[in-house]
mmCIF file of all heavy atoms, coordinates in Angstrom:
data_MODEL
# 
_entry.id   MODEL 
# 
loop_
_atom_site.group_PDB 
_atom_site.id 
_atom_site.type_symbol 
_atom_site.label_atom_id 
_atom_site.label_alt_id 
_atom_site.label_comp_id 
_atom_site.label_asym_id 
_atom_site.label_entity_id 
_atom_site.label_seq_id 
_atom_site.pdbx_PDB_ins_code 
_atom_site.Cartn_x 
_atom_site.Cartn_y 
_atom_site.Cartn_z 
_atom_site.occupancy 
_atom_site.B_iso_or_equiv 
_atom_site.pdbx_formal_charge 
_atom_site.auth_seq_id 
_atom_site.auth_comp_id 
_atom_site.auth_asym_id 
_atom_site.auth_atom_id 
_atom_site.pdbx_PDB_model_num 
ATOM 1   N N   . GLY A 1 1  ? 9.557  -24.802 4.992  1.00 0.00 ? 1  GLY A N   1 
ATOM 2   C CA  . GLY A 1 1  ? 8.889  -25.501 3.908  1.00 0.00 ? 1  GLY A CA  1 
ATOM 3   C C   . GLY A 1 1  ? 7.758  -24.681 3.301  1.00 0.00 ? 1  GLY A C   1 
ATOM 4   O O   . GLY A 1 1  ? 7.614  -24.606 2.073  1.00 0.00 ? 1  GLY A O   1 
ATOM 5   N N   . PRO A 1 2  ? 6.913  -24.015 4.131  1.00 0.00 ? 2  PRO A N   1 
ATOM 6   C CA  . PRO A 1 2  ? 5.864  -23.170 3.560  1.00 0.00 ? 2  PRO A CA  1 
ATOM 7   C C   . PRO A 1 2  ? 6.396  -22.003 2.736  1.00 0.00 ? 2  PRO A C   1 
ATOM 8   O O   . PRO A 1 2  ? 5.699  -21.513 1.836  1.00 0.00 ? 2  PRO A O   1 
ATOM 9   C CB  . PRO A 1 2  ? 5.116  -22.664 4.803  1.00 0.00 ? 2  PRO A CB  1 
ATOM 10  C CG  . PRO A 1 2  ? 5.314  -23.751 5.818  1.00 0.00 ? 2  PRO A CG  1 
ATOM 11  C CD  . PRO A 1 2  ? 6.735  -24.203 5.588  1.00 0.00 ? 2  PRO A CD  1 
ATOM 12  N N   . THR A 1 3  ? 7.619  -21.553 3.032  1.00 0.00 ? 3  THR A N   1 
ATOM 13  C CA  . THR A 1 3  ? 8.213  -20.505 2.209  1.00 0.00 ? 3  THR A CA  1 
ATOM 14  C C   . THR A 1 3  ? 8.511  -21.031 0.817  1.00 0.00 ? 3  THR A C   1 
ATOM 15  O O   . THR A 1 3  ? 8.147  -20.417 -0.194 1.00 0.00 ? 3  THR A O   1 
ATOM 16  C CB  . THR A 1 3  ? 9.504  -19.985 2.871  1.00 0.00 ? 3  THR A CB  1 
ATOM 17  O OG1 . THR A 1 3  ? 9.173  -19.275 4.061  1.00 0.00 ? 3  THR A OG1 1 
ATOM 18  C CG2 . THR A 1 3  ? 10.284 -19.074 1.943  1.00 0.00 ? 3  THR A CG2 1 
ATOM 19  N N   . SER A 1 4  ? 9.194  -22.173 0.748  1.00 0.00 ? 4  SER A N   1 
ATOM 20  C CA  . SER A 1 4  ? 9.533  -22.745 -0.555 1.00 0.00 ? 4  SER A CA  1 
ATOM 21  C C   . SER A 1 4  ? 8.267  -23.042 -1.359 1.00 0.00 ? 4  SER A C   1 
ATOM 22  O O   . SER A 1 4  ? 8.185  -22.725 -2.551 1.00 0.00 ? 4  SER A O   1 
ATOM 23  C CB  . SER A 1 4  ? 10.347 -24.032 -0.365 1.00 0.00 ? 4  SER A CB  1 
ATOM 24  O OG  . SER A 1 4  ? 11.547 -23.771 0.329  1.00 0.00 ? 4  SER A OG  1 
ATOM 25  N N   . THR A 1 5  ? 7.268  -23.637 -0.709 1.00 0.00 ? 5  THR A N   1 
ATOM 26  C CA  . THR A 1 5  ? 6.032  -23.991 -1.398 1.00 0.00 ? 5  THR A CA  1 
ATOM 27  C C   . THR A 1 5  ? 5.199  -22.763 -1.734 1.00 0.00 ? 5  THR A C   1 
ATOM 28  O O   . THR A 1 5  ? 4.775  -22.569 -2.883 1.00 0.00 ? 5  THR A O   1 
ATOM 29  C CB  . THR A 1 5  ? 5.200  -24.954 -0.527 1.00 0.00 ? 5  THR A CB  1 
ATOM 30  O OG1 . THR A 1 5  ? 5.975  -26.119 -0.241 1.00 0.00 ? 5  THR A OG1 1 
ATOM 31  C CG2 . THR A 1 5  ? 3.919  -25.351 -1.223 1.00 0.00 ? 5  THR A CG2 1 
ATOM 32  N N   . GLY A 1 6  ? 4.978  -21.913 -0.742 1.00 0.00 ? 6  GLY A N   1 
ATOM 33  C CA  . GLY A 1 6  ? 4.087  -20.766 -0.930 1.00 0.00 ? 6  GLY A CA  1 
ATOM 34  C C   . GLY A 1 6  ? 4.623  -19.725 -1.888 1.00 0.00 ? 6  GLY A C   1 
ATOM 35  O O   . GLY A 1 6  ? 3.882  -19.218 -2.749 1.00 0.00 ? 6  GLY A O   1 
ATOM 36  N N   . LEU A 1 7  ? 5.908  -19.377 -1.757 1.00 0.00 ? 7  LEU A N   1 
ATOM 37  C CA  . LEU A 1 7  ? 6.470  -18.365 -2.639 1.00 0.00 ? 7  LEU A CA  1 
ATOM 38  C C   . LEU A 1 7  ? 6.599  -18.877 -4.064 1.00 0.00 ? 7  LEU A C   1 
ATOM 39  O O   . LEU A 1 7  ? 6.412  -18.121 -5.026 1.00 0.00 ? 7  LEU A O   1 
ATOM 40  C CB  . LEU A 1 7  ? 7.827  -17.900 -2.117 1.00 0.00 ? 7  LEU A CB  1 
ATOM 41  C CG  . LEU A 1 7  ? 7.825  -17.121 -0.802 1.00 0.00 ? 7  LEU A CG  1 
ATOM 42  C CD1 . LEU A 1 7  ? 9.233  -16.626 -0.469 1.00 0.00 ? 7  LEU A CD1 1 
ATOM 43  C CD2 . LEU A 1 7  ? 6.861  -15.944 -0.846 1.00 0.00 ? 7  LEU A CD2 1 
ATOM 44  N N   . THR A 1 8  ? 6.931  -20.142 -4.235 1.00 0.00 ? 8  THR A N   1 
ATOM 45  C CA  . THR A 1 8  ? 7.047  -20.690 -5.583 1.00 0.00 ? 8  THR A CA  1 
ATOM 46  C C   . THR A 1 8  ? 5.715  -20.592 -6.320 1.00 0.00 ? 8  THR A C   1 
ATOM 47  O O   . THR A 1 8  ? 5.667  -20.204 -7.500 1.00 0.00 ? 8  THR A O   1 
ATOM 48  C CB  . THR A 1 8  ? 7.522  -22.150 -5.529 1.00 0.00 ? 8  THR A CB  1 
ATOM 49  O OG1 . THR A 1 8  ? 8.809  -22.198 -4.908 1.00 0.00 ? 8  THR A OG1 1 
ATOM 50  C CG2 . THR A 1 8  ? 7.629  -22.745 -6.930 1.00 0.00 ? 8  THR A CG2 1 
ATOM 51  N N   . GLN A 1 9  ? 4.625  -20.926 -5.646 1.00 0.00 ? 9  GLN A N   1 
ATOM 52  C CA  . GLN A 1 9  ? 3.309  -20.832 -6.275 1.00 0.00 ? 9  GLN A CA  1 
ATOM 53  C C   . GLN A 1 9  ? 2.933  -19.379 -6.570 1.00 0.00 ? 9  GLN A C   1 
ATOM 54  O O   . GLN A 1 9  ? 2.307  -19.084 -7.588 1.00 0.00 ? 9  GLN A O   1 
ATOM 55  C CB  . GLN A 1 9  ? 2.254  -21.453 -5.366 1.00 0.00 ? 9  GLN A CB  1 
ATOM 56  C CG  . GLN A 1 9  ? 2.394  -22.952 -5.175 1.00 0.00 ? 9  GLN A CG  1 
ATOM 57  C CD  . GLN A 1 9  ? 1.449  -23.494 -4.109 1.00 0.00 ? 9  GLN A CD  1 
ATOM 58  O OE1 . GLN A 1 9  ? 0.658  -22.741 -3.517 1.00 0.00 ? 9  GLN A OE1 1 
ATOM 59  N NE2 . GLN A 1 9  ? 1.533  -24.784 -3.846 1.00 0.00 ? 9  GLN A NE2 1 
ATOM 60  N N   . ALA A 1 10 ? 3.330  -18.460 -5.687 1.00 0.00 ? 10 ALA A N   1 
ATOM 61  C CA  . ALA A 1 10 ? 2.893  -17.070 -5.806 1.00 0.00 ? 10 ALA A CA  1 
ATOM 62  C C   . ALA A 1 10 ? 3.758  -16.243 -6.755 1.00 0.00 ? 10 ALA A C   1 
ATOM 63  O O   . ALA A 1 10 ? 3.234  -15.481 -7.577 1.00 0.00 ? 10 ALA A O   1 
ATOM 64  C CB  . ALA A 1 10 ? 2.864  -16.419 -4.428 1.00 0.00 ? 10 ALA A CB  1 
ATOM 65  N N   . ILE A 1 11 ? 5.079  -16.394 -6.647 1.00 0.00 ? 11 ILE A N   1 
ATOM 66  C CA  . ILE A 1 11 ? 5.960  -15.518 -7.437 1.00 0.00 ? 11 ILE A CA  1 
ATOM 67  C C   . ILE A 1 11 ? 6.989  -16.283 -8.250 1.00 0.00 ? 11 ILE A C   1 
ATOM 68  O O   . ILE A 1 11 ? 7.854  -15.676 -8.891 1.00 0.00 ? 11 ILE A O   1 
ATOM 69  C CB  . ILE A 1 11 ? 6.675  -14.489 -6.527 1.00 0.00 ? 11 ILE A CB  1 
ATOM 70  C CG1 . ILE A 1 11 ? 7.562  -15.182 -5.486 1.00 0.00 ? 11 ILE A CG1 1 
ATOM 71  C CG2 . ILE A 1 11 ? 5.656  -13.560 -5.871 1.00 0.00 ? 11 ILE A CG2 1 
ATOM 72  C CD1 . ILE A 1 11 ? 8.397  -14.226 -4.647 1.00 0.00 ? 11 ILE A CD1 1 
ATOM 73  N N   . GLY A 1 12 ? 6.929  -17.624 -8.213 1.00 0.00 ? 12 GLY A N   1 
ATOM 74  C CA  . GLY A 1 12 ? 7.840  -18.422 -9.033 1.00 0.00 ? 12 GLY A CA  1 
ATOM 75  C C   . GLY A 1 12 ? 9.235  -18.524 -8.488 1.00 0.00 ? 12 GLY A C   1 
ATOM 76  O O   . GLY A 1 12 ? 10.165 -18.914 -9.193 1.00 0.00 ? 12 GLY A O   1 
ATOM 77  N N   . LEU A 1 13 ? 9.430  -18.213 -7.209 1.00 0.00 ? 13 LEU A N   1 
ATOM 78  C CA  . LEU A 1 13 ? 10.744 -18.255 -6.570 1.00 0.00 ? 13 LEU A CA  1 
ATOM 79  C C   . LEU A 1 13 ? 10.542 -18.634 -5.114 1.00 0.00 ? 13 LEU A C   1 
ATOM 80  O O   . LEU A 1 13 ? 9.817  -17.947 -4.393 1.00 0.00 ? 13 LEU A O   1 
ATOM 81  C CB  . LEU A 1 13 ? 11.429 -16.879 -6.667 1.00 0.00 ? 13 LEU A CB  1 
ATOM 82  C CG  . LEU A 1 13 ? 12.754 -16.700 -5.937 1.00 0.00 ? 13 LEU A CG  1 
ATOM 83  C CD1 . LEU A 1 13 ? 13.872 -17.433 -6.672 1.00 0.00 ? 13 LEU A CD1 1 
ATOM 84  C CD2 . LEU A 1 13 ? 13.101 -15.211 -5.825 1.00 0.00 ? 13 LEU A CD2 1 
ATOM 85  N N   . GLY A 1 14 ? 11.175 -19.725 -4.672 1.00 0.00 ? 14 GLY A N   1 
ATOM 86  C CA  . GLY A 1 14 ? 10.982 -20.190 -3.305 1.00 0.00 ? 14 GLY A CA  1 
ATOM 87  C C   . GLY A 1 14 ? 11.888 -19.522 -2.302 1.00 0.00 ? 14 GLY A C   1 
ATOM 88  O O   . GLY A 1 14 ? 12.214 -20.105 -1.266 1.00 0.00 ? 14 GLY A O   1 
ATOM 89  N N   . LYS A 1 15 ? 12.305 -18.303 -2.573 1.00 0.00 ? 15 LYS A N   1 
ATOM 90  C CA  . LYS A 1 15 ? 13.215 -17.561 -1.696 1.00 0.00 ? 15 LYS A CA  1 
ATOM 91  C C   . LYS A 1 15 ? 12.728 -16.124 -1.589 1.00 0.00 ? 15 LYS A C   1 
ATOM 92  O O   . LYS A 1 15 ? 11.828 -15.692 -2.311 1.00 0.00 ? 15 LYS A O   1 
ATOM 93  C CB  . LYS A 1 15 ? 14.638 -17.546 -2.271 1.00 0.00 ? 15 LYS A CB  1 
ATOM 94  C CG  . LYS A 1 15 ? 15.231 -18.898 -2.597 1.00 0.00 ? 15 LYS A CG  1 
ATOM 95  C CD  . LYS A 1 15 ? 16.618 -18.743 -3.215 1.00 0.00 ? 15 LYS A CD  1 
ATOM 96  C CE  . LYS A 1 15 ? 17.221 -20.096 -3.592 1.00 0.00 ? 15 LYS A CE  1 
ATOM 97  N NZ  . LYS A 1 15 ? 18.584 -19.950 -4.156 1.00 0.00 ? 15 LYS A NZ  1 
ATOM 98  N N   . GLY A 1 16 ? 13.383 -15.371 -0.708 1.00 0.00 ? 16 GLY A N   1 
ATOM 99  C CA  . GLY A 1 16 ? 13.060 -13.959 -0.580 1.00 0.00 ? 16 GLY A CA  1 
ATOM 100 C C   . GLY A 1 16 ? 13.500 -13.160 -1.792 1.00 0.00 ? 16 GLY A C   1 
ATOM 101 O O   . GLY A 1 16 ? 14.330 -13.598 -2.588 1.00 0.00 ? 16 GLY A O   1 
ATOM 102 N N   . THR A 1 17 ? 12.944 -11.965 -1.914 1.00 0.00 ? 17 THR A N   1 
ATOM 103 C CA  . THR A 1 17 ? 13.261 -11.107 -3.065 1.00 0.00 ? 17 THR A CA  1 
ATOM 104 C C   . THR A 1 17 ? 14.150 -9.928  -2.707 1.00 0.00 ? 17 THR A C   1 
ATOM 105 O O   . THR A 1 17 ? 14.648 -9.250  -3.609 1.00 0.00 ? 17 THR A O   1 
ATOM 106 C CB  . THR A 1 17 ? 11.970 -10.564 -3.695 1.00 0.00 ? 17 THR A CB  1 
ATOM 107 O OG1 . THR A 1 17 ? 11.291 -9.727  -2.746 1.00 0.00 ? 17 THR A OG1 1 
ATOM 108 C CG2 . THR A 1 17 ? 11.051 -11.691 -4.122 1.00 0.00 ? 17 THR A CG2 1 
ATOM 109 N N   . VAL A 1 18 ? 14.350 -9.649  -1.417 1.00 0.00 ? 18 VAL A N   1 
ATOM 110 C CA  . VAL A 1 18 ? 15.114 -8.455  -1.047 1.00 0.00 ? 18 VAL A CA  1 
ATOM 111 C C   . VAL A 1 18 ? 16.585 -8.793  -0.841 1.00 0.00 ? 18 VAL A C   1 
ATOM 112 O O   . VAL A 1 18 ? 16.960 -9.946  -0.627 1.00 0.00 ? 18 VAL A O   1 
ATOM 113 C CB  . VAL A 1 18 ? 14.559 -7.791  0.230  1.00 0.00 ? 18 VAL A CB  1 
ATOM 114 C CG1 . VAL A 1 18 ? 13.094 -7.459  0.080  1.00 0.00 ? 18 VAL A CG1 1 
ATOM 115 C CG2 . VAL A 1 18 ? 14.779 -8.672  1.441  1.00 0.00 ? 18 VAL A CG2 1 
ATOM 116 N N   . GLU A 1 19 ? 17.402 -7.775  -0.931 1.00 0.00 ? 19 GLU A N   1 
ATOM 117 C CA  . GLU A 1 19 ? 18.804 -7.871  -0.523 1.00 0.00 ? 19 GLU A CA  1 
ATOM 118 C C   . GLU A 1 19 ? 19.062 -6.818  0.534  1.00 0.00 ? 19 GLU A C   1 
ATOM 119 O O   . GLU A 1 19 ? 18.213 -5.951  0.804  1.00 0.00 ? 19 GLU A O   1 
ATOM 120 C CB  . GLU A 1 19 ? 19.739 -7.734  -1.721 1.00 0.00 ? 19 GLU A CB  1 
ATOM 121 C CG  . GLU A 1 19 ? 19.513 -6.549  -2.609 1.00 0.00 ? 19 GLU A CG  1 
ATOM 122 C CD  . GLU A 1 19 ? 20.348 -6.633  -3.876 1.00 0.00 ? 19 GLU A CD  1 
ATOM 123 O OE1 . GLU A 1 19 ? 21.511 -7.048  -3.779 1.00 0.00 ? 19 GLU A OE1 1 
ATOM 124 O OE2 . GLU A 1 19 ? 19.839 -6.282  -4.942 1.00 0.00 ? 19 GLU A OE2 1 
ATOM 125 N N   . LEU A 1 20 ? 20.227 -6.879  1.155  1.00 0.00 ? 20 LEU A N   1 
ATOM 126 C CA  . LEU A 1 20 ? 20.479 -6.033  2.323  1.00 0.00 ? 20 LEU A CA  1 
ATOM 127 C C   . LEU A 1 20 ? 20.357 -4.547  1.989  1.00 0.00 ? 20 LEU A C   1 
ATOM 128 O O   . LEU A 1 20 ? 19.859 -3.757  2.797  1.00 0.00 ? 20 LEU A O   1 
ATOM 129 C CB  . LEU A 1 20 ? 21.864 -6.354  2.893  1.00 0.00 ? 20 LEU A CB  1 
ATOM 130 C CG  . LEU A 1 20 ? 22.115 -5.958  4.346  1.00 0.00 ? 20 LEU A CG  1 
ATOM 131 C CD1 . LEU A 1 20 ? 21.072 -6.548  5.278  1.00 0.00 ? 20 LEU A CD1 1 
ATOM 132 C CD2 . LEU A 1 20 ? 23.512 -6.392  4.773  1.00 0.00 ? 20 LEU A CD2 1 
ATOM 133 N N   . ASP A 1 21 ? 20.774 -4.143  0.787  1.00 0.00 ? 21 ASP A N   1 
ATOM 134 C CA  . ASP A 1 21 ? 20.693 -2.731  0.407  1.00 0.00 ? 21 ASP A CA  1 
ATOM 135 C C   . ASP A 1 21 ? 19.264 -2.206  0.389  1.00 0.00 ? 21 ASP A C   1 
ATOM 136 O O   . ASP A 1 21 ? 19.037 -0.996  0.514  1.00 0.00 ? 21 ASP A O   1 
ATOM 137 C CB  . ASP A 1 21 ? 21.332 -2.510  -0.963 1.00 0.00 ? 21 ASP A CB  1 
ATOM 138 C CG  . ASP A 1 21 ? 22.852 -2.610  -0.923 1.00 0.00 ? 21 ASP A CG  1 
ATOM 139 O OD1 . ASP A 1 21 ? 23.412 -2.605  0.194  1.00 0.00 ? 21 ASP A OD1 1 
ATOM 140 O OD2 . ASP A 1 21 ? 23.471 -2.699  -1.998 1.00 0.00 ? 21 ASP A OD2 1 
ATOM 141 N N   . ASP A 1 22 ? 18.281 -3.093  0.208  1.00 0.00 ? 22 ASP A N   1 
ATOM 142 C CA  . ASP A 1 22 ? 16.892 -2.635  0.178  1.00 0.00 ? 22 ASP A CA  1 
ATOM 143 C C   . ASP A 1 22 ? 16.479 -1.993  1.495  1.00 0.00 ? 22 ASP A C   1 
ATOM 144 O O   . ASP A 1 22 ? 15.586 -1.126  1.516  1.00 0.00 ? 22 ASP A O   1 
ATOM 145 C CB  . ASP A 1 22 ? 15.957 -3.800  -0.152 1.00 0.00 ? 22 ASP A CB  1 
ATOM 146 C CG  . ASP A 1 22 ? 15.975 -4.178  -1.622 1.00 0.00 ? 22 ASP A CG  1 
ATOM 147 O OD1 . ASP A 1 22 ? 15.888 -3.263  -2.463 1.00 0.00 ? 22 ASP A OD1 1 
ATOM 148 O OD2 . ASP A 1 22 ? 16.087 -5.375  -1.932 1.00 0.00 ? 22 ASP A OD2 1 
ATOM 149 N N   . PHE A 1 23 ? 17.114 -2.389  2.599  1.00 0.00 ? 23 PHE A N   1 
ATOM 150 C CA  . PHE A 1 23 ? 16.771 -1.795  3.889  1.00 0.00 ? 23 PHE A CA  1 
ATOM 151 C C   . PHE A 1 23 ? 17.226 -0.333  3.974  1.00 0.00 ? 23 PHE A C   1 
ATOM 152 O O   . PHE A 1 23 ? 16.775 0.393   4.860  1.00 0.00 ? 23 PHE A O   1 
ATOM 153 C CB  . PHE A 1 23 ? 17.369 -2.617  5.031  1.00 0.00 ? 23 PHE A CB  1 
ATOM 154 C CG  . PHE A 1 23 ? 16.649 -3.915  5.271  1.00 0.00 ? 23 PHE A CG  1 
ATOM 155 C CD1 . PHE A 1 23 ? 16.974 -5.052  4.552  1.00 0.00 ? 23 PHE A CD1 1 
ATOM 156 C CD2 . PHE A 1 23 ? 15.624 -4.002  6.195  1.00 0.00 ? 23 PHE A CD2 1 
ATOM 157 C CE1 . PHE A 1 23 ? 16.308 -6.256  4.751  1.00 0.00 ? 23 PHE A CE1 1 
ATOM 158 C CE2 . PHE A 1 23 ? 14.947 -5.198  6.412  1.00 0.00 ? 23 PHE A CE2 1 
ATOM 159 C CZ  . PHE A 1 23 ? 15.285 -6.329  5.678  1.00 0.00 ? 23 PHE A CZ  1 
ATOM 160 N N   . ASP A 1 24 ? 18.095 0.092   3.058  1.00 0.00 ? 24 ASP A N   1 
ATOM 161 C CA  . ASP A 1 24 ? 18.504 1.503   2.997  1.00 0.00 ? 24 ASP A CA  1 
ATOM 162 C C   . ASP A 1 24 ? 17.495 2.359   2.247  1.00 0.00 ? 24 ASP A C   1 
ATOM 163 O O   . ASP A 1 24 ? 17.590 3.592   2.262  1.00 0.00 ? 24 ASP A O   1 
ATOM 164 C CB  . ASP A 1 24 ? 19.866 1.632   2.317  1.00 0.00 ? 24 ASP A CB  1 
ATOM 165 C CG  . ASP A 1 24 ? 20.979 0.964   3.094  1.00 0.00 ? 24 ASP A CG  1 
ATOM 166 O OD1 . ASP A 1 24 ? 20.864 0.887   4.335  1.00 0.00 ? 24 ASP A OD1 1 
ATOM 167 O OD2 . ASP A 1 24 ? 21.961 0.510   2.467  1.00 0.00 ? 24 ASP A OD2 1 
ATOM 168 N N   . HIS A 1 25 ? 16.529 1.733   1.578  1.00 0.00 ? 25 HIS A N   1 
ATOM 169 C CA  . HIS A 1 25 ? 15.617 2.478   0.700  1.00 0.00 ? 25 HIS A CA  1 
ATOM 170 C C   . HIS A 1 25 ? 14.149 2.304   1.057  1.00 0.00 ? 25 HIS A C   1 
ATOM 171 O O   . HIS A 1 25 ? 13.294 2.926   0.428  1.00 0.00 ? 25 HIS A O   1 
ATOM 172 C CB  . HIS A 1 25 ? 15.828 2.037   -0.753 1.00 0.00 ? 25 HIS A CB  1 
ATOM 173 C CG  . HIS A 1 25 ? 17.246 2.171   -1.224 1.00 0.00 ? 25 HIS A CG  1 
ATOM 174 N ND1 . HIS A 1 25 ? 17.838 3.392   -1.481 1.00 0.00 ? 25 HIS A ND1 1 
ATOM 175 C CD2 . HIS A 1 25 ? 18.211 1.237   -1.453 1.00 0.00 ? 25 HIS A CD2 1 
ATOM 176 C CE1 . HIS A 1 25 ? 19.097 3.209   -1.864 1.00 0.00 ? 25 HIS A CE1 1 
ATOM 177 N NE2 . HIS A 1 25 ? 19.344 1.909   -1.852 1.00 0.00 ? 25 HIS A NE2 1 
ATOM 178 N N   . CYS A 1 26 ? 13.842 1.491   2.038  1.00 0.00 ? 26 CYS A N   1 
ATOM 179 C CA  . CYS A 1 26 ? 12.437 1.258   2.381  1.00 0.00 ? 26 CYS A CA  1 
ATOM 180 C C   . CYS A 1 26 ? 11.899 2.396   3.246  1.00 0.00 ? 26 CYS A C   1 
ATOM 181 O O   . CYS A 1 26 ? 12.637 3.084   3.945  1.00 0.00 ? 26 CYS A O   1 
ATOM 182 C CB  . CYS A 1 26 ? 12.279 -0.067  3.103  1.00 0.00 ? 26 CYS A CB  1 
ATOM 183 S SG  . CYS A 1 26 ? 13.135 -0.147  4.690  1.00 0.00 ? 26 CYS A SG  1 
ATOM 184 N N   . ASP A 1 27 ? 10.588 2.567   3.199  1.00 0.00 ? 27 ASP A N   1 
ATOM 185 C CA  . ASP A 1 27 ? 9.897  3.487   4.110  1.00 0.00 ? 27 ASP A CA  1 
ATOM 186 C C   . ASP A 1 27 ? 9.347  2.754   5.323  1.00 0.00 ? 27 ASP A C   1 
ATOM 187 O O   . ASP A 1 27 ? 9.127  3.353   6.369  1.00 0.00 ? 27 ASP A O   1 
ATOM 188 C CB  . ASP A 1 27 ? 8.722  4.167   3.398  1.00 0.00 ? 27 ASP A CB  1 
ATOM 189 C CG  . ASP A 1 27 ? 9.159  5.149   2.332  1.00 0.00 ? 27 ASP A CG  1 
ATOM 190 O OD1 . ASP A 1 27 ? 10.310 5.608   2.385  1.00 0.00 ? 27 ASP A OD1 1 
ATOM 191 O OD2 . ASP A 1 27 ? 8.351  5.430   1.426  1.00 0.00 ? 27 ASP A OD2 1 
# 
């Protein structure tokens, strides 16, 4: 619940922003 509430207020989306391919490009 804090994810849906907190992310919606902060970035306008109550879900994560990454996809699996992002783990191939992170440092």
